[in-house]
């Protein structure tokens, strides 16, 4: 059951990320390594919904409170390959007590804002304001 719930979260987060201004999906290392980018910069590593790895994602959180919150999620850890030193956090989605899709989307938005251009962030803010 947890895998189905994790898959629903993963799909919701992917859909959210792709809905951000000028976001594009790419597979730089093959079909099992989905990333979402803006301005040719990755803001979320999604991996694959049907790959060998458990479902999870990695986001860059510069905000200390958000970073601390993400690191407190069950199984969360600094992202490998030295990315953790830059604020990247990897969060598994299948763990008991894993964050909700809403929380994950908030983290993805924060990660997006770290690499988005000012005009893209303004477009996002305008969208949020228009939708209440």
C-alpha atoms as a PDB file:
ATOM      1  CA  UNK A   1       0.000   0.000   0.000  1.00  0.00           C
ATOM      2  CA  UNK A   2       2.826   2.398   0.854  1.00  0.00           C
ATOM      3  CA  UNK A   3       4.277   1.991  -2.635  1.00  0.00           C
ATOM      4  CA  UNK A   4       0.965   3.067  -4.230  1.00  0.00           C
ATOM      5  CA  UNK A   5       0.738   6.100  -1.939  1.00  0.00           C
ATOM      6  CA  UNK A   6       4.369   6.952  -2.722  1.00  0.00           C
ATOM      7  CA  UNK A   7       3.669   6.645  -6.462  1.00  0.00           C
ATOM      8  CA  UNK A   8       0.691   9.007  -6.169  1.00  0.00           C
ATOM      9  CA  UNK A   9       2.903  11.533  -4.356  1.00  0.00           C
ATOM     10  CA  UNK A  10       5.674  11.126  -6.933  1.00  0.00           C
ATOM     11  CA  UNK A  11       3.230  11.703  -9.795  1.00  0.00           C
ATOM     12  CA  UNK A  12       1.698  14.743  -8.051  1.00  0.00           C
ATOM     13  CA  UNK A  13       5.136  16.261  -7.444  1.00  0.00           C
ATOM     14  CA  UNK A  14       6.223  15.615 -11.043  1.00  0.00           C
ATOM     15  CA  UNK A  15       3.041  17.228 -12.369  1.00  0.00           C
ATOM     16  CA  UNK A  16       3.504  20.214 -10.029  1.00  0.00           C
ATOM     17  CA  UNK A  17       7.170  20.662 -11.030  1.00  0.00           C
ATOM     18  CA  UNK A  18       6.350  20.517 -14.742  1.00  0.00           C
ATOM     19  CA  UNK A  19       3.628  23.134 -14.207  1.00  0.00           C
ATOM     20  CA  UNK A  20       6.099  25.736 -12.958  1.00  0.00           C
ATOM     21  CA  UNK A  21       6.995  28.532 -15.420  1.00  0.00           C
ATOM     22  CA  UNK A  22       9.303  27.274 -18.200  1.00  0.00           C
ATOM     23  CA  UNK A  23      10.053  23.977 -16.424  1.00  0.00           C
ATOM     24  CA  UNK A  24      11.205  21.103 -18.633  1.00  0.00           C
ATOM     25  CA  UNK A  25      11.654  17.398 -17.987  1.00  0.00           C
ATOM     26  CA  UNK A  26      14.881  15.717 -19.054  1.00  0.00           C
ATOM     27  CA  UNK A  27      16.547  12.327 -18.675  1.00  0.00           C
ATOM     28  CA  UNK A  28      20.270  13.235 -18.655  1.00  0.00           C
ATOM     29  CA  UNK A  29      21.509   9.812 -17.516  1.00  0.00           C
ATOM     30  CA  UNK A  30      18.889   7.571 -19.103  1.00  0.00           C
ATOM     31  CA  UNK A  31      15.203   6.710 -18.669  1.00  0.00           C
ATOM     32  CA  UNK A  32      15.524   6.003 -14.940  1.00  0.00           C
ATOM     33  CA  UNK A  33      16.853   9.445 -14.078  1.00  0.00           C
ATOM     34  CA  UNK A  34      14.103  12.016 -14.507  1.00  0.00           C
ATOM     35  CA  UNK A  35      15.013  15.583 -13.590  1.00  0.00           C
ATOM     36  CA  UNK A  36      13.079  18.816 -13.953  1.00  0.00           C
ATOM     37  CA  UNK A  37      14.981  21.936 -14.973  1.00  0.00           C
ATOM     38  CA  UNK A  38      14.504  25.632 -15.503  1.00  0.00           C
ATOM     39  CA  UNK A  39      17.183  27.689 -17.302  1.00  0.00           C
ATOM     40  CA  UNK A  40      19.126  24.456 -17.936  1.00  0.00           C
ATOM     41  CA  UNK A  41      19.507  24.025 -14.159  1.00  0.00           C
ATOM     42  CA  UNK A  42      18.057  21.094 -12.253  1.00  0.00           C
ATOM     43  CA  UNK A  43      15.688  21.972  -9.423  1.00  0.00           C
ATOM     44  CA  UNK A  44      14.367  18.491  -8.656  1.00  0.00           C
ATOM     45  CA  UNK A  45      15.769  15.005  -9.175  1.00  0.00           C
ATOM     46  CA  UNK A  46      12.831  12.582  -9.461  1.00  0.00           C
ATOM     47  CA  UNK A  47      14.517   9.365 -10.537  1.00  0.00           C
ATOM     48  CA  UNK A  48      11.964   6.970 -12.004  1.00  0.00           C
ATOM     49  CA  UNK A  49       8.532   5.700 -11.037  1.00  0.00           C
ATOM     50  CA  UNK A  50       9.425   2.226 -12.258  1.00  0.00           C
ATOM     51  CA  UNK A  51      13.177   2.046 -11.798  1.00  0.00           C
ATOM     52  CA  UNK A  52      15.207  -0.165  -9.470  1.00  0.00           C
ATOM     53  CA  UNK A  53      15.515   2.532  -6.796  1.00  0.00           C
ATOM     54  CA  UNK A  54      12.776   3.200  -4.218  1.00  0.00           C
ATOM     55  CA  UNK A  55      10.655   6.261  -5.019  1.00  0.00           C
ATOM     56  CA  UNK A  56      12.120   9.500  -3.791  1.00  0.00           C
ATOM     57  CA  UNK A  57      13.225  12.949  -4.824  1.00  0.00           C
ATOM     58  CA  UNK A  58      15.992  15.430  -4.198  1.00  0.00           C
ATOM     59  CA  UNK A  59      15.531  19.181  -3.855  1.00  0.00           C
ATOM     60  CA  UNK A  60      17.782  22.124  -3.052  1.00  0.00           C
ATOM     61  CA  UNK A  61      16.620  23.991   0.038  1.00  0.00           C
ATOM     62  CA  UNK A  62      18.572  27.111   0.996  1.00  0.00           C
ATOM     63  CA  UNK A  63      16.003  28.192   3.580  1.00  0.00           C
ATOM     64  CA  UNK A  64      17.277  26.808   6.910  1.00  0.00           C
ATOM     65  CA  UNK A  65      13.831  26.045   8.316  1.00  0.00           C
ATOM     66  CA  UNK A  66      12.739  24.170   5.183  1.00  0.00           C
ATOM     67  CA  UNK A  67      16.074  22.350   4.981  1.00  0.00           C
ATOM     68  CA  UNK A  68      15.753  21.279   8.615  1.00  0.00           C
ATOM     69  CA  UNK A  69      12.162  20.159   8.055  1.00  0.00           C
ATOM     70  CA  UNK A  70      13.184  18.108   5.009  1.00  0.00           C
ATOM     71  CA  UNK A  71      16.111  16.543   6.870  1.00  0.00           C
ATOM     72  CA  UNK A  72      13.731  15.462   9.647  1.00  0.00           C
ATOM     73  CA  UNK A  73      11.632  13.380   7.201  1.00  0.00           C
ATOM     74  CA  UNK A  74      12.002   9.609   7.697  1.00  0.00           C
ATOM     75  CA  UNK A  75      15.054   8.383   5.777  1.00  0.00           C
ATOM     76  CA  UNK A  76      16.014  11.844   4.483  1.00  0.00           C
ATOM     77  CA  UNK A  77      19.692  12.520   3.966  1.00  0.00           C
ATOM     78  CA  UNK A  78      22.013  14.990   2.271  1.00  0.00           C
ATOM     79  CA  UNK A  79      22.082  14.226  -1.467  1.00  0.00           C
ATOM     80  CA  UNK A  80      25.135  12.287  -2.640  1.00  0.00           C
ATOM     81  CA  UNK A  81      27.878  13.330  -5.052  1.00  0.00           C
ATOM     82  CA  UNK A  82      28.673  16.309  -2.818  1.00  0.00           C
ATOM     83  CA  UNK A  83      25.333  17.989  -3.547  1.00  0.00           C
ATOM     84  CA  UNK A  84      24.334  17.808   0.137  1.00  0.00           C
ATOM     85  CA  UNK A  85      26.957  20.446   0.925  1.00  0.00           C
ATOM     86  CA  UNK A  86      25.022  22.860  -1.312  1.00  0.00           C
ATOM     87  CA  UNK A  87      21.714  22.293   0.463  1.00  0.00           C
ATOM     88  CA  UNK A  88      20.376  19.342  -1.557  1.00  0.00           C
ATOM     89  CA  UNK A  89      18.261  16.869   0.406  1.00  0.00           C
ATOM     90  CA  UNK A  90      17.117  13.426  -0.753  1.00  0.00           C
ATOM     91  CA  UNK A  91      13.752  12.343   0.632  1.00  0.00           C
ATOM     92  CA  UNK A  92      12.367   8.803   0.241  1.00  0.00           C
ATOM     93  CA  UNK A  93       8.639   8.635  -0.462  1.00  0.00           C
ATOM     94  CA  UNK A  94       7.922   5.067   0.621  1.00  0.00           C
ATOM     95  CA  UNK A  95       8.948   5.437   4.279  1.00  0.00           C
ATOM     96  CA  UNK A  96       6.317   5.401   7.004  1.00  0.00           C
ATOM     97  CA  UNK A  97       5.563   9.036   7.831  1.00  0.00           C
ATOM     98  CA  UNK A  98       6.957  10.357   4.522  1.00  0.00           C
ATOM     99  CA  UNK A  99       5.969  13.980   3.782  1.00  0.00           C
ATOM    100  CA  UNK A 100       2.661  14.690   2.062  1.00  0.00           C
ATOM    101  CA  UNK A 101       2.532  15.643  -1.611  1.00  0.00           C
ATOM    102  CA  UNK A 102       1.628  19.198  -0.536  1.00  0.00           C
ATOM    103  CA  UNK A 103       4.774  19.525   1.588  1.00  0.00           C
ATOM    104  CA  UNK A 104       6.906  17.987  -1.161  1.00  0.00           C
ATOM    105  CA  UNK A 105       5.491  20.485  -3.662  1.00  0.00           C
ATOM    106  CA  UNK A 106       6.361  23.359  -1.303  1.00  0.00           C
ATOM    107  CA  UNK A 107       9.942  22.080  -1.220  1.00  0.00           C
ATOM    108  CA  UNK A 108      10.006  21.729  -5.022  1.00  0.00           C
ATOM    109  CA  UNK A 109       8.766  25.320  -5.344  1.00  0.00           C
ATOM    110  CA  UNK A 110      11.502  26.528  -3.006  1.00  0.00           C
ATOM    111  CA  UNK A 111      14.103  24.558  -4.990  1.00  0.00           C
ATOM    112  CA  UNK A 112      12.726  26.037  -8.235  1.00  0.00           C
ATOM    113  CA  UNK A 113      13.082  29.555  -6.846  1.00  0.00           C
ATOM    114  CA  UNK A 114      16.792  28.946  -6.119  1.00  0.00           C
ATOM    115  CA  UNK A 115      17.519  28.583  -9.862  1.00  0.00           C
ATOM    116  CA  UNK A 116      14.657  30.450 -11.576  1.00  0.00           C
ATOM    117  CA  UNK A 117      15.214  33.847 -13.123  1.00  0.00           C
ATOM    118  CA  UNK A 118      13.531  36.810 -11.409  1.00  0.00           C
ATOM    119  CA  UNK A 119      10.947  37.070 -14.188  1.00  0.00           C
ATOM    120  CA  UNK A 120      10.069  33.378 -13.784  1.00  0.00           C
ATOM    121  CA  UNK A 121       9.675  33.784 -10.021  1.00  0.00           C
ATOM    122  CA  UNK A 122       7.486  36.859 -10.641  1.00  0.00           C
ATOM    123  CA  UNK A 123       5.353  34.855 -13.083  1.00  0.00           C
ATOM    124  CA  UNK A 124       4.954  32.157 -10.435  1.00  0.00           C
ATOM    125  CA  UNK A 125       4.046  34.763  -7.791  1.00  0.00           C
ATOM    126  CA  UNK A 126       1.462  36.291 -10.148  1.00  0.00           C
ATOM    127  CA  UNK A 127      -0.018  32.848 -10.790  1.00  0.00           C
ATOM    128  CA  UNK A 128      -0.229  32.129  -7.062  1.00  0.00           C
ATOM    129  CA  UNK A 129      -1.862  35.523  -6.413  1.00  0.00           C
ATOM    130  CA  UNK A 130      -4.389  34.965  -9.210  1.00  0.00           C
ATOM    131  CA  UNK A 131      -5.344  31.545  -7.873  1.00  0.00           C
ATOM    132  CA  UNK A 132      -5.704  32.775  -4.300  1.00  0.00           C
END
